[in-house]
Structures are given as C-alpha cells and as structure tokens.
Amino acid sequence: MVTTAAQVVTPERFAKGLTWQEYVAGDIKSKEMFLKNYEELQIDPSDVEFFKKFVSKKGEVHVVALGEDWCPDVVRGLPVVAKIAHSCGMDFKVFPRDVNLDIMELYLWRREHQSIPVFVFFNAEFKELGTWIERPAAAYKFMAEVTEQLQAMNLSEEESRTESRKRRQDAQELWKKETVREIKELLYRVM
C-alpha cells in the first residue's frame, strides 16, 4: 500500500511542527548562521508581492519544512523559505527530518536520497501544491563545475575540500536568490 502526503501530513500533524521562532529558540547547531541568513536576506518587493497574491488567491498556504541543523543546505535554505512565508502570511512549520522519516520518505530526491531541506506547500485542505528539495539548480551546476576544475588541478584531498568549501561560500548569496526564484516559479505553475 502506498502512503500519501494526505495520510501523513494532516492538519493535526502540521500543528505539531515548530514555528520558525520555536525552531531557532531551540538547541540547534549554527543558530547564529540561521539567524544571520534570515535577518540579512532581502526579498525583492516584486517577489513579495507575487507571494502575497499567491496566498490571496489560494487562501491558507501551509509550508512543511524538513531539515536538520547540521546540514549547510538547511542553514542556507531554511531561513530563505521562512522569510518568504513570513513576508506573505504562509503558515510555516519545521519538522526535523530524523524524527519525521515518514514524511521524508514521501519526498526523496530522485526517489532514493533523503536530501534536505525539503519544502512542501499545501493549501487550506492540505492538498499538495508543490515541493522544492535541497538546493537550486544553479548550485548543482556550480558544484559540478567546481568538482571538475578541482580535479584538473591535482590538489590533495584536503586542499580540494578547502578550495571547494571556499568557492561554495562565495556562491551562497546567489543560491539564496535562486531559491527565491525557483520557489516563485514552482508556485506560479499552480497559481
């Protein structure tokens, strides 16, 4: 028997999720980075207007956010979607992945990987509107290019890891903007 989101993500289950404020008030790793990424993110006013129109058209919009505080993609992406949700009145709840594996199993990347973060958008009746997983396409492309470049440089494993980390850090702001753009495109398709 196949389990569906409607069976797992019910209004009662959603109510048990953590608000952004509860999540960052908890005992999480990288708390300062979560807060910094949230506070420093400026969403373009035209994007905020789009998200407000989306919520106005759909009525209630609920966002399930799956993640773990040790994951760099979560530290970068969770604050972005929290800020989107707060800018337009979406109901945003965080569910730690490792204690919500039944939800995670519904949203595997490429049907096999427990990649995080995962953001699932639902309407008032908890009908799924769309899902976004892990990182924007630009980040995947960038990481593949960096891997290829570093392999050509014949660096030691440690040197390669250090250089890769530096280059990824330099791309973080672009990836945040790309996350906003991709979420907007996702929701536009179901508007």
N, C-alpha and C. Protein backbone atom coordinates (compact mmCIF):
# COMPACT_ATOMS: atom_id res chain seq x y z
N MET A 1 0.84 -1.19 0.00
CA MET A 1 0.00 0.00 0.00
C MET A 1 0.88 1.25 0.00
N VAL A 2 0.59 2.17 -0.86
CA VAL A 2 1.35 3.40 -0.99
C VAL A 2 0.80 4.43 -0.01
N THR A 3 1.69 5.04 0.75
CA THR A 3 1.29 6.10 1.67
C THR A 3 1.34 7.43 0.94
N THR A 4 0.36 8.29 1.18
CA THR A 4 0.30 9.59 0.52
C THR A 4 0.51 10.70 1.54
N ALA A 5 0.83 11.88 1.02
CA ALA A 5 1.02 13.04 1.89
C ALA A 5 -0.25 13.32 2.69
N ALA A 6 -1.42 13.12 2.07
CA ALA A 6 -2.68 13.39 2.76
C ALA A 6 -2.85 12.50 3.99
N GLN A 7 -2.27 11.31 3.96
CA GLN A 7 -2.36 10.41 5.11
C GLN A 7 -1.35 10.78 6.19
N VAL A 8 -0.25 11.39 5.81
CA VAL A 8 0.84 11.67 6.75
C VAL A 8 0.80 13.12 7.25
N VAL A 9 0.62 14.05 6.33
CA VAL A 9 0.60 15.47 6.71
C VAL A 9 -0.85 15.91 6.85
N THR A 10 -1.37 15.71 8.03
CA THR A 10 -2.75 16.10 8.35
C THR A 10 -2.70 17.45 9.08
N PRO A 11 -3.83 18.12 9.21
CA PRO A 11 -3.83 19.36 10.00
C PRO A 11 -3.31 19.14 11.42
N GLU A 12 -3.64 18.01 12.01
CA GLU A 12 -3.19 17.72 13.38
C GLU A 12 -1.67 17.54 13.42
N ARG A 13 -1.13 16.85 12.44
CA ARG A 13 0.33 16.65 12.39
C ARG A 13 1.02 17.98 12.12
N PHE A 14 0.49 18.76 11.20
CA PHE A 14 1.08 20.05 10.88
C PHE A 14 1.16 20.94 12.12
N ALA A 15 0.11 20.91 12.93
CA ALA A 15 0.07 21.74 14.14
C ALA A 15 1.19 21.41 15.11
N LYS A 16 1.74 20.20 15.02
CA LYS A 16 2.82 19.79 15.92
C LYS A 16 4.20 20.25 15.46
N GLY A 17 4.29 20.80 14.26
CA GLY A 17 5.56 21.31 13.77
C GLY A 17 6.01 22.52 14.56
N LEU A 18 7.26 22.88 14.40
CA LEU A 18 7.83 24.03 15.09
C LEU A 18 7.71 25.28 14.23
N THR A 19 7.30 26.37 14.82
CA THR A 19 7.35 27.64 14.10
C THR A 19 8.83 28.00 13.93
N TRP A 20 9.11 28.95 13.06
CA TRP A 20 10.48 29.43 12.89
C TRP A 20 11.04 29.91 14.22
N GLN A 21 10.25 30.67 14.96
CA GLN A 21 10.70 31.21 16.24
C GLN A 21 11.01 30.09 17.23
N GLU A 22 10.17 29.07 17.28
CA GLU A 22 10.42 27.94 18.16
C GLU A 22 11.67 27.18 17.74
N TYR A 23 11.84 27.02 16.44
CA TYR A 23 12.99 26.29 15.93
C TYR A 23 14.30 26.98 16.30
N VAL A 24 14.40 28.27 16.03
CA VAL A 24 15.67 28.97 16.30
C VAL A 24 15.87 29.22 17.79
N ALA A 25 14.80 29.16 18.59
CA ALA A 25 14.95 29.29 20.05
C ALA A 25 15.43 27.99 20.67
N GLY A 26 15.34 26.90 19.92
CA GLY A 26 15.75 25.60 20.43
C GLY A 26 17.25 25.42 20.44
N ASP A 27 17.65 24.24 20.82
CA ASP A 27 19.07 23.89 20.91
C ASP A 27 19.54 23.38 19.55
N ILE A 28 19.85 24.32 18.65
CA ILE A 28 20.27 23.94 17.30
C ILE A 28 21.71 24.37 17.06
N LYS A 29 22.38 23.62 16.20
CA LYS A 29 23.72 23.99 15.76
C LYS A 29 23.59 25.18 14.81
N SER A 30 24.62 25.97 14.71
CA SER A 30 24.68 27.08 13.75
C SER A 30 23.55 28.09 13.93
N LYS A 31 23.07 28.24 15.16
CA LYS A 31 21.96 29.17 15.42
C LYS A 31 22.26 30.57 14.88
N GLU A 32 23.50 31.03 15.10
CA GLU A 32 23.87 32.38 14.64
C GLU A 32 23.76 32.49 13.13
N MET A 33 24.17 31.44 12.41
CA MET A 33 24.09 31.47 10.94
C MET A 33 22.64 31.41 10.47
N PHE A 34 21.80 30.61 11.12
CA PHE A 34 20.37 30.59 10.77
C PHE A 34 19.80 32.00 10.90
N LEU A 35 20.07 32.63 12.05
CA LEU A 35 19.52 33.96 12.30
C LEU A 35 20.10 35.01 11.35
N LYS A 36 21.40 34.94 11.11
CA LYS A 36 22.06 35.88 10.19
C LYS A 36 21.49 35.73 8.79
N ASN A 37 21.34 34.50 8.32
CA ASN A 37 20.79 34.28 6.98
C ASN A 37 19.37 34.80 6.87
N TYR A 38 18.59 34.66 7.93
CA TYR A 38 17.22 35.16 7.93
C TYR A 38 17.20 36.69 7.93
N GLU A 39 17.93 37.27 8.87
CA GLU A 39 17.90 38.73 9.04
C GLU A 39 18.47 39.48 7.85
N GLU A 40 19.52 38.95 7.25
CA GLU A 40 20.19 39.67 6.17
C GLU A 40 19.52 39.50 4.81
N LEU A 41 18.66 38.51 4.67
CA LEU A 41 18.01 38.27 3.38
C LEU A 41 17.01 39.37 3.07
N GLN A 42 17.17 39.97 1.92
CA GLN A 42 16.23 40.97 1.44
C GLN A 42 15.51 40.39 0.22
N ILE A 43 14.24 40.12 0.36
CA ILE A 43 13.46 39.60 -0.76
C ILE A 43 12.96 40.79 -1.57
N ASP A 44 13.15 40.72 -2.86
CA ASP A 44 12.74 41.80 -3.76
C ASP A 44 11.24 42.09 -3.55
N PRO A 45 10.87 43.36 -3.46
CA PRO A 45 9.46 43.71 -3.24
C PRO A 45 8.50 43.11 -4.28
N SER A 46 8.95 42.98 -5.53
CA SER A 46 8.08 42.38 -6.54
C SER A 46 7.85 40.89 -6.26
N ASP A 47 8.85 40.22 -5.68
CA ASP A 47 8.67 38.82 -5.30
C ASP A 47 7.71 38.71 -4.11
N VAL A 48 7.86 39.60 -3.14
CA VAL A 48 6.94 39.62 -2.00
C VAL A 48 5.51 39.83 -2.49
N GLU A 49 5.35 40.73 -3.44
CA GLU A 49 4.01 41.00 -3.99
C GLU A 49 3.44 39.74 -4.65
N PHE A 50 4.28 39.02 -5.41
CA PHE A 50 3.83 37.78 -6.03
C PHE A 50 3.37 36.79 -4.96
N PHE A 51 4.19 36.58 -3.92
CA PHE A 51 3.84 35.61 -2.88
C PHE A 51 2.55 36.02 -2.15
N LYS A 52 2.36 37.31 -1.93
CA LYS A 52 1.12 37.78 -1.31
C LYS A 52 -0.09 37.49 -2.20
N LYS A 53 0.06 37.72 -3.50
CA LYS A 53 -1.03 37.43 -4.45
C LYS A 53 -1.32 35.94 -4.47
N PHE A 54 -0.27 35.13 -4.39
CA PHE A 54 -0.45 33.68 -4.39
C PHE A 54 -1.29 33.26 -3.18
N VAL A 55 -0.92 33.76 -2.01
CA VAL A 55 -1.66 33.41 -0.78
C VAL A 55 -3.09 33.94 -0.86
N SER A 56 -3.25 35.14 -1.39
CA SER A 56 -4.58 35.72 -1.52
C SER A 56 -5.46 34.85 -2.43
N LYS A 57 -4.89 34.35 -3.50
CA LYS A 57 -5.64 33.52 -4.43
C LYS A 57 -5.93 32.13 -3.86
N LYS A 58 -4.96 31.54 -3.15
CA LYS A 58 -5.09 30.17 -2.64
C LYS A 58 -5.77 30.11 -1.28
N GLY A 59 -5.83 31.23 -0.59
CA GLY A 59 -6.33 31.20 0.79
C GLY A 59 -5.18 30.78 1.69
N GLU A 60 -5.44 29.95 2.66
CA GLU A 60 -4.36 29.48 3.54
C GLU A 60 -3.33 28.69 2.75
N VAL A 61 -2.06 28.94 3.05
CA VAL A 61 -0.98 28.14 2.48
C VAL A 61 -0.12 27.68 3.64
N HIS A 62 0.09 26.38 3.71
CA HIS A 62 0.91 25.77 4.77
C HIS A 62 2.21 25.26 4.14
N VAL A 63 3.32 25.47 4.85
CA VAL A 63 4.62 25.02 4.36
C VAL A 63 5.22 24.06 5.38
N VAL A 64 5.49 22.84 4.94
CA VAL A 64 6.22 21.87 5.75
C VAL A 64 7.69 21.99 5.34
N ALA A 65 8.54 22.23 6.32
CA ALA A 65 9.99 22.32 6.08
C ALA A 65 10.67 21.17 6.81
N LEU A 66 11.30 20.28 6.05
CA LEU A 66 12.07 19.18 6.62
C LEU A 66 13.54 19.53 6.57
N GLY A 67 14.24 19.34 7.68
CA GLY A 67 15.67 19.61 7.67
C GLY A 67 16.33 19.17 8.96
N GLU A 68 17.63 19.34 8.97
CA GLU A 68 18.45 19.09 10.16
C GLU A 68 19.45 20.21 10.28
N ASP A 69 19.72 20.63 11.51
CA ASP A 69 20.54 21.82 11.74
C ASP A 69 22.01 21.67 11.38
N TRP A 70 22.49 20.45 11.15
CA TRP A 70 23.88 20.22 10.81
C TRP A 70 24.16 20.36 9.32
N CYS A 71 23.13 20.49 8.51
CA CYS A 71 23.26 20.48 7.05
C CYS A 71 23.43 21.91 6.50
N PRO A 72 24.52 22.18 5.77
CA PRO A 72 24.74 23.52 5.21
C PRO A 72 23.61 23.98 4.29
N ASP A 73 23.02 23.06 3.52
CA ASP A 73 21.91 23.46 2.65
C ASP A 73 20.70 23.90 3.46
N VAL A 74 20.51 23.30 4.63
CA VAL A 74 19.41 23.70 5.51
C VAL A 74 19.71 25.05 6.15
N VAL A 75 20.94 25.24 6.59
CA VAL A 75 21.33 26.51 7.22
C VAL A 75 21.13 27.66 6.24
N ARG A 76 21.38 27.41 4.97
CA ARG A 76 21.17 28.45 3.96
C ARG A 76 19.71 28.53 3.53
N GLY A 77 19.06 27.39 3.25
CA GLY A 77 17.75 27.40 2.62
C GLY A 77 16.56 27.60 3.54
N LEU A 78 16.63 27.06 4.76
CA LEU A 78 15.50 27.18 5.68
C LEU A 78 15.16 28.64 5.99
N PRO A 79 16.16 29.49 6.28
CA PRO A 79 15.83 30.90 6.52
C PRO A 79 15.21 31.60 5.31
N VAL A 80 15.62 31.19 4.11
CA VAL A 80 15.06 31.80 2.89
C VAL A 80 13.56 31.53 2.81
N VAL A 81 13.17 30.28 2.96
CA VAL A 81 11.75 29.94 2.82
C VAL A 81 10.95 30.44 4.03
N ALA A 82 11.56 30.45 5.20
CA ALA A 82 10.88 31.05 6.36
C ALA A 82 10.58 32.52 6.09
N LYS A 83 11.54 33.23 5.52
CA LYS A 83 11.36 34.66 5.24
C LYS A 83 10.28 34.85 4.17
N ILE A 84 10.28 34.00 3.14
CA ILE A 84 9.21 34.07 2.13
C ILE A 84 7.86 33.90 2.82
N ALA A 85 7.74 32.85 3.63
CA ALA A 85 6.47 32.56 4.31
C ALA A 85 6.03 33.72 5.19
N HIS A 86 6.95 34.28 5.94
CA HIS A 86 6.61 35.38 6.84
C HIS A 86 6.25 36.65 6.07
N SER A 87 6.81 36.83 4.88
CA SER A 87 6.55 38.04 4.10
C SER A 87 5.14 38.09 3.55
N CYS A 88 4.48 36.92 3.48
CA CYS A 88 3.18 36.89 2.80
C CYS A 88 2.09 36.16 3.57
N GLY A 89 2.38 35.72 4.79
CA GLY A 89 1.35 35.10 5.61
C GLY A 89 1.17 33.60 5.44
N MET A 90 2.16 32.93 4.86
CA MET A 90 2.09 31.46 4.81
C MET A 90 2.34 30.91 6.21
N ASP A 91 1.72 29.80 6.52
CA ASP A 91 1.89 29.11 7.80
C ASP A 91 3.08 28.15 7.65
N PHE A 92 4.19 28.46 8.28
CA PHE A 92 5.46 27.76 8.09
C PHE A 92 5.81 26.95 9.33
N LYS A 93 6.05 25.63 9.15
CA LYS A 93 6.40 24.77 10.28
C LYS A 93 7.61 23.91 9.91
N VAL A 94 8.51 23.77 10.88
CA VAL A 94 9.73 22.99 10.71
C VAL A 94 9.55 21.63 11.36
N PHE A 95 9.96 20.60 10.64
CA PHE A 95 9.93 19.22 11.11
C PHE A 95 11.34 18.64 10.97
N PRO A 96 12.02 18.37 12.09
CA PRO A 96 13.34 17.74 11.97
C PRO A 96 13.21 16.41 11.22
N ARG A 97 14.02 16.25 10.20
CA ARG A 97 13.92 15.07 9.33
C ARG A 97 14.06 13.75 10.09
N ASP A 98 15.07 13.67 10.94
CA ASP A 98 15.41 12.38 11.54
C ASP A 98 14.36 11.83 12.48
N VAL A 99 13.42 12.64 12.92
CA VAL A 99 12.31 12.15 13.74
C VAL A 99 10.98 12.23 12.99
N ASN A 100 11.06 12.52 11.69
CA ASN A 100 9.87 12.57 10.84
C ASN A 100 10.15 11.84 9.53
N LEU A 101 10.70 10.66 9.66
CA LEU A 101 11.10 9.90 8.46
C LEU A 101 9.90 9.48 7.62
N ASP A 102 8.73 9.36 8.22
CA ASP A 102 7.56 9.02 7.43
C ASP A 102 7.23 10.13 6.43
N ILE A 103 7.43 11.37 6.84
CA ILE A 103 7.24 12.48 5.90
C ILE A 103 8.39 12.47 4.88
N MET A 104 9.61 12.31 5.36
CA MET A 104 10.78 12.32 4.48
C MET A 104 10.65 11.29 3.37
N GLU A 105 10.15 10.11 3.70
CA GLU A 105 10.04 9.03 2.71
C GLU A 105 9.13 9.41 1.53
N LEU A 106 8.26 10.36 1.73
CA LEU A 106 7.37 10.82 0.65
C LEU A 106 8.07 11.76 -0.32
N TYR A 107 9.21 12.33 0.11
CA TYR A 107 9.86 13.39 -0.67
C TYR A 107 11.34 13.11 -0.89
N LEU A 108 11.65 11.90 -1.26
CA LEU A 108 13.03 11.53 -1.54
C LEU A 108 13.48 12.17 -2.85
N TRP A 109 14.70 12.69 -2.84
CA TRP A 109 15.27 13.26 -4.05
C TRP A 109 15.67 12.10 -4.96
N ARG A 110 15.23 12.18 -6.21
CA ARG A 110 15.45 11.10 -7.17
C ARG A 110 14.93 9.75 -6.65
N ARG A 111 13.91 9.83 -5.81
CA ARG A 111 13.21 8.67 -5.24
C ARG A 111 14.09 7.76 -4.38
N GLU A 112 15.26 8.27 -3.96
CA GLU A 112 16.10 7.42 -3.11
C GLU A 112 16.89 8.18 -2.05
N HIS A 113 17.13 9.47 -2.22
CA HIS A 113 18.00 10.20 -1.30
C HIS A 113 17.19 11.07 -0.33
N GLN A 114 17.57 11.03 0.93
CA GLN A 114 16.91 11.86 1.95
C GLN A 114 17.56 13.24 1.98
N SER A 115 17.56 13.91 0.84
CA SER A 115 18.18 15.22 0.72
C SER A 115 17.34 16.27 1.44
N ILE A 116 18.02 17.20 2.07
CA ILE A 116 17.35 18.28 2.80
C ILE A 116 18.03 19.61 2.50
N PRO A 117 17.29 20.69 2.62
CA PRO A 117 15.91 20.80 3.10
C PRO A 117 14.90 20.37 2.04
N VAL A 118 13.70 20.09 2.53
CA VAL A 118 12.54 19.84 1.68
C VAL A 118 11.47 20.83 2.13
N PHE A 119 10.86 21.48 1.15
CA PHE A 119 9.75 22.40 1.43
C PHE A 119 8.55 21.92 0.63
N VAL A 120 7.46 21.63 1.35
CA VAL A 120 6.24 21.17 0.70
C VAL A 120 5.15 22.19 1.00
N PHE A 121 4.52 22.67 -0.05
CA PHE A 121 3.47 23.69 0.05
C PHE A 121 2.12 23.02 -0.08
N PHE A 122 1.22 23.35 0.86
CA PHE A 122 -0.14 22.78 0.88
C PHE A 122 -1.16 23.91 0.92
N ASN A 123 -2.35 23.63 0.40
CA ASN A 123 -3.44 24.60 0.52
C ASN A 123 -4.16 24.39 1.85
N ALA A 124 -5.28 25.07 2.04
CA ALA A 124 -6.02 25.01 3.30
C ALA A 124 -6.50 23.60 3.63
N GLU A 125 -6.78 22.80 2.61
CA GLU A 125 -7.26 21.43 2.81
C GLU A 125 -6.10 20.42 2.86
N PHE A 126 -4.90 20.92 2.88
CA PHE A 126 -3.68 20.10 2.89
C PHE A 126 -3.54 19.27 1.62
N LYS A 127 -4.01 19.85 0.52
CA LYS A 127 -3.72 19.29 -0.80
C LYS A 127 -2.37 19.87 -1.23
N GLU A 128 -1.49 18.99 -1.66
CA GLU A 128 -0.14 19.43 -2.01
C GLU A 128 -0.16 20.32 -3.25
N LEU A 129 0.55 21.46 -3.13
CA LEU A 129 0.66 22.40 -4.24
C LEU A 129 2.00 22.27 -4.97
N GLY A 130 3.03 21.90 -4.24
CA GLY A 130 4.35 21.78 -4.86
C GLY A 130 5.42 21.47 -3.83
N THR A 131 6.56 21.00 -4.33
CA THR A 131 7.67 20.59 -3.48
C THR A 131 8.97 21.12 -4.05
N TRP A 132 9.86 21.54 -3.18
CA TRP A 132 11.20 22.00 -3.56
C TRP A 132 12.19 21.27 -2.66
N ILE A 133 13.25 20.71 -3.25
CA ILE A 133 14.19 19.88 -2.49
C ILE A 133 15.63 20.35 -2.64
N GLU A 134 16.30 20.49 -1.54
CA GLU A 134 17.74 20.63 -1.31
C GLU A 134 18.36 21.95 -1.70
N ARG A 135 18.55 22.19 -2.98
CA ARG A 135 19.26 23.40 -3.41
C ARG A 135 18.83 23.76 -4.83
N PRO A 136 19.05 25.01 -5.23
CA PRO A 136 18.64 25.41 -6.58
C PRO A 136 19.51 24.74 -7.66
N ALA A 137 18.96 24.67 -8.86
CA ALA A 137 19.66 24.06 -9.99
C ALA A 137 21.02 24.73 -10.23
N ALA A 138 21.09 26.04 -10.04
CA ALA A 138 22.37 26.75 -10.23
C ALA A 138 23.44 26.22 -9.29
N ALA A 139 23.06 25.79 -8.11
CA ALA A 139 24.03 25.26 -7.15
C ALA A 139 24.56 23.91 -7.60
N TYR A 140 23.67 23.05 -8.11
CA TYR A 140 24.12 21.76 -8.63
C TYR A 140 25.12 21.96 -9.77
N LYS A 141 24.78 22.88 -10.67
CA LYS A 141 25.65 23.15 -11.83
C LYS A 141 27.00 23.69 -11.35
N PHE A 142 26.96 24.64 -10.44
CA PHE A 142 28.18 25.24 -9.90
C PHE A 142 29.06 24.17 -9.25
N MET A 143 28.46 23.32 -8.44
CA MET A 143 29.22 22.30 -7.73
C MET A 143 29.86 21.30 -8.69
N ALA A 144 29.15 20.96 -9.76
CA ALA A 144 29.72 20.04 -10.75
C ALA A 144 30.91 20.69 -11.45
N GLU A 145 30.77 21.98 -11.78
CA GLU A 145 31.87 22.69 -12.44
C GLU A 145 33.08 22.80 -11.52
N VAL A 146 32.85 23.11 -10.25
CA VAL A 146 33.95 23.23 -9.29
C VAL A 146 34.65 21.88 -9.13
N THR A 147 33.89 20.82 -9.03
CA THR A 147 34.48 19.49 -8.89
C THR A 147 35.39 19.19 -10.09
N GLU A 148 34.89 19.48 -11.28
CA GLU A 148 35.69 19.24 -12.49
C GLU A 148 36.97 20.09 -12.48
N GLN A 149 36.84 21.37 -12.12
CA GLN A 149 38.02 22.25 -12.09
C GLN A 149 39.04 21.78 -11.06
N LEU A 150 38.57 21.39 -9.89
CA LEU A 150 39.50 20.96 -8.84
C LEU A 150 40.18 19.65 -9.18
N GLN A 151 39.47 18.77 -9.84
CA GLN A 151 40.10 17.51 -10.27
C GLN A 151 41.24 17.78 -11.25
N ALA A 152 41.04 18.77 -12.11
CA ALA A 152 42.07 19.12 -13.09
C ALA A 152 43.30 19.76 -12.44
N MET A 153 43.14 20.28 -11.23
CA MET A 153 44.25 20.97 -10.53
C MET A 153 45.16 19.99 -9.77
N ASN A 154 44.76 18.74 -9.69
CA ASN A 154 45.57 17.73 -8.99
C ASN A 154 45.92 18.13 -7.56
N LEU A 155 44.95 18.63 -6.83
CA LEU A 155 45.16 19.01 -5.43
C LEU A 155 45.05 17.78 -4.53
N SER A 156 45.59 17.91 -3.33
CA SER A 156 45.38 16.85 -2.35
C SER A 156 43.90 16.86 -1.95
N GLU A 157 43.45 15.81 -1.33
CA GLU A 157 42.04 15.74 -0.92
C GLU A 157 41.69 16.89 0.02
N GLU A 158 42.57 17.17 0.96
CA GLU A 158 42.34 18.26 1.91
C GLU A 158 42.33 19.62 1.21
N GLU A 159 43.27 19.86 0.32
CA GLU A 159 43.31 21.12 -0.44
C GLU A 159 42.06 21.28 -1.29
N SER A 160 41.65 20.20 -1.92
CA SER A 160 40.46 20.22 -2.75
C SER A 160 39.22 20.54 -1.92
N ARG A 161 39.10 19.91 -0.75
CA ARG A 161 37.96 20.16 0.14
C ARG A 161 37.94 21.62 0.60
N THR A 162 39.10 22.16 0.96
CA THR A 162 39.19 23.54 1.42
C THR A 162 38.80 24.52 0.30
N GLU A 163 39.33 24.29 -0.89
CA GLU A 163 39.02 25.17 -2.03
C GLU A 163 37.55 25.07 -2.41
N SER A 164 37.00 23.88 -2.40
CA SER A 164 35.59 23.69 -2.72
C SER A 164 34.71 24.43 -1.72
N ARG A 165 35.03 24.31 -0.44
CA ARG A 165 34.27 25.00 0.62
C ARG A 165 34.31 26.51 0.41
N LYS A 166 35.49 27.05 0.09
CA LYS A 166 35.63 28.49 -0.13
C LYS A 166 34.77 28.94 -1.32
N ARG A 167 34.85 28.21 -2.40
CA ARG A 167 34.07 28.59 -3.58
C ARG A 167 32.57 28.50 -3.32
N ARG A 168 32.14 27.47 -2.61
CA ARG A 168 30.71 27.35 -2.26
C ARG A 168 30.28 28.51 -1.39
N GLN A 169 31.12 28.90 -0.45
CA GLN A 169 30.79 30.02 0.44
C GLN A 169 30.59 31.30 -0.37
N ASP A 170 31.44 31.49 -1.36
CA ASP A 170 31.34 32.69 -2.20
C ASP A 170 30.05 32.72 -3.01
N ALA A 171 29.41 31.57 -3.23
CA ALA A 171 28.20 31.48 -4.06
C ALA A 171 26.91 31.53 -3.24
N GLN A 172 26.99 31.59 -1.93
CA GLN A 172 25.80 31.48 -1.08
C GLN A 172 24.71 32.51 -1.39
N GLU A 173 25.09 33.75 -1.58
CA GLU A 173 24.07 34.79 -1.81
C GLU A 173 23.31 34.54 -3.12
N LEU A 174 24.04 34.14 -4.15
CA LEU A 174 23.39 33.82 -5.42
C LEU A 174 22.42 32.66 -5.22
N TRP A 175 22.82 31.65 -4.47
CA TRP A 175 21.96 30.48 -4.27
C TRP A 175 20.70 30.86 -3.49
N LYS A 176 20.81 31.79 -2.57
CA LYS A 176 19.61 32.24 -1.84
C LYS A 176 18.63 32.90 -2.81
N LYS A 177 19.15 33.76 -3.69
CA LYS A 177 18.30 34.42 -4.67
C LYS A 177 17.69 33.41 -5.63
N GLU A 178 18.47 32.42 -6.03
CA GLU A 178 17.96 31.38 -6.91
C GLU A 178 16.87 30.54 -6.22
N THR A 179 17.01 30.34 -4.92
CA THR A 179 15.98 29.62 -4.18
C THR A 179 14.66 30.39 -4.24
N VAL A 180 14.72 31.70 -4.00
CA VAL A 180 13.51 32.53 -4.08
C VAL A 180 12.91 32.42 -5.48
N ARG A 181 13.75 32.54 -6.51
CA ARG A 181 13.27 32.48 -7.89
C ARG A 181 12.60 31.13 -8.19
N GLU A 182 13.24 30.04 -7.76
CA GLU A 182 12.67 28.72 -8.04
C GLU A 182 11.37 28.46 -7.28
N ILE A 183 11.29 28.94 -6.04
CA ILE A 183 10.03 28.80 -5.27
C ILE A 183 8.93 29.59 -5.97
N LYS A 184 9.27 30.77 -6.42
CA LYS A 184 8.29 31.60 -7.14
C LYS A 184 7.80 30.88 -8.40
N GLU A 185 8.72 30.31 -9.17
CA GLU A 185 8.33 29.56 -10.38
C GLU A 185 7.46 28.36 -10.04
N LEU A 186 7.82 27.65 -8.99
CA LEU A 186 7.05 26.49 -8.55
C LEU A 186 5.61 26.88 -8.23
N LEU A 187 5.45 27.95 -7.48
CA LEU A 187 4.11 28.37 -7.09
C LEU A 187 3.34 29.02 -8.23
N TYR A 188 4.05 29.67 -9.13
CA TYR A 188 3.41 30.26 -10.30
C TYR A 188 2.69 29.19 -11.13
N ARG A 189 3.32 28.01 -11.22
CA ARG A 189 2.74 26.92 -12.02
C ARG A 189 1.41 26.42 -11.45
N VAL A 190 1.17 26.64 -10.16
CA VAL A 190 -0.09 26.16 -9.56
C VAL A 190 -1.03 27.32 -9.18
N MET A 191 -0.68 28.51 -9.63
CA MET A 191 -1.49 29.68 -9.31
C MET A 191 -2.76 29.62 -10.13
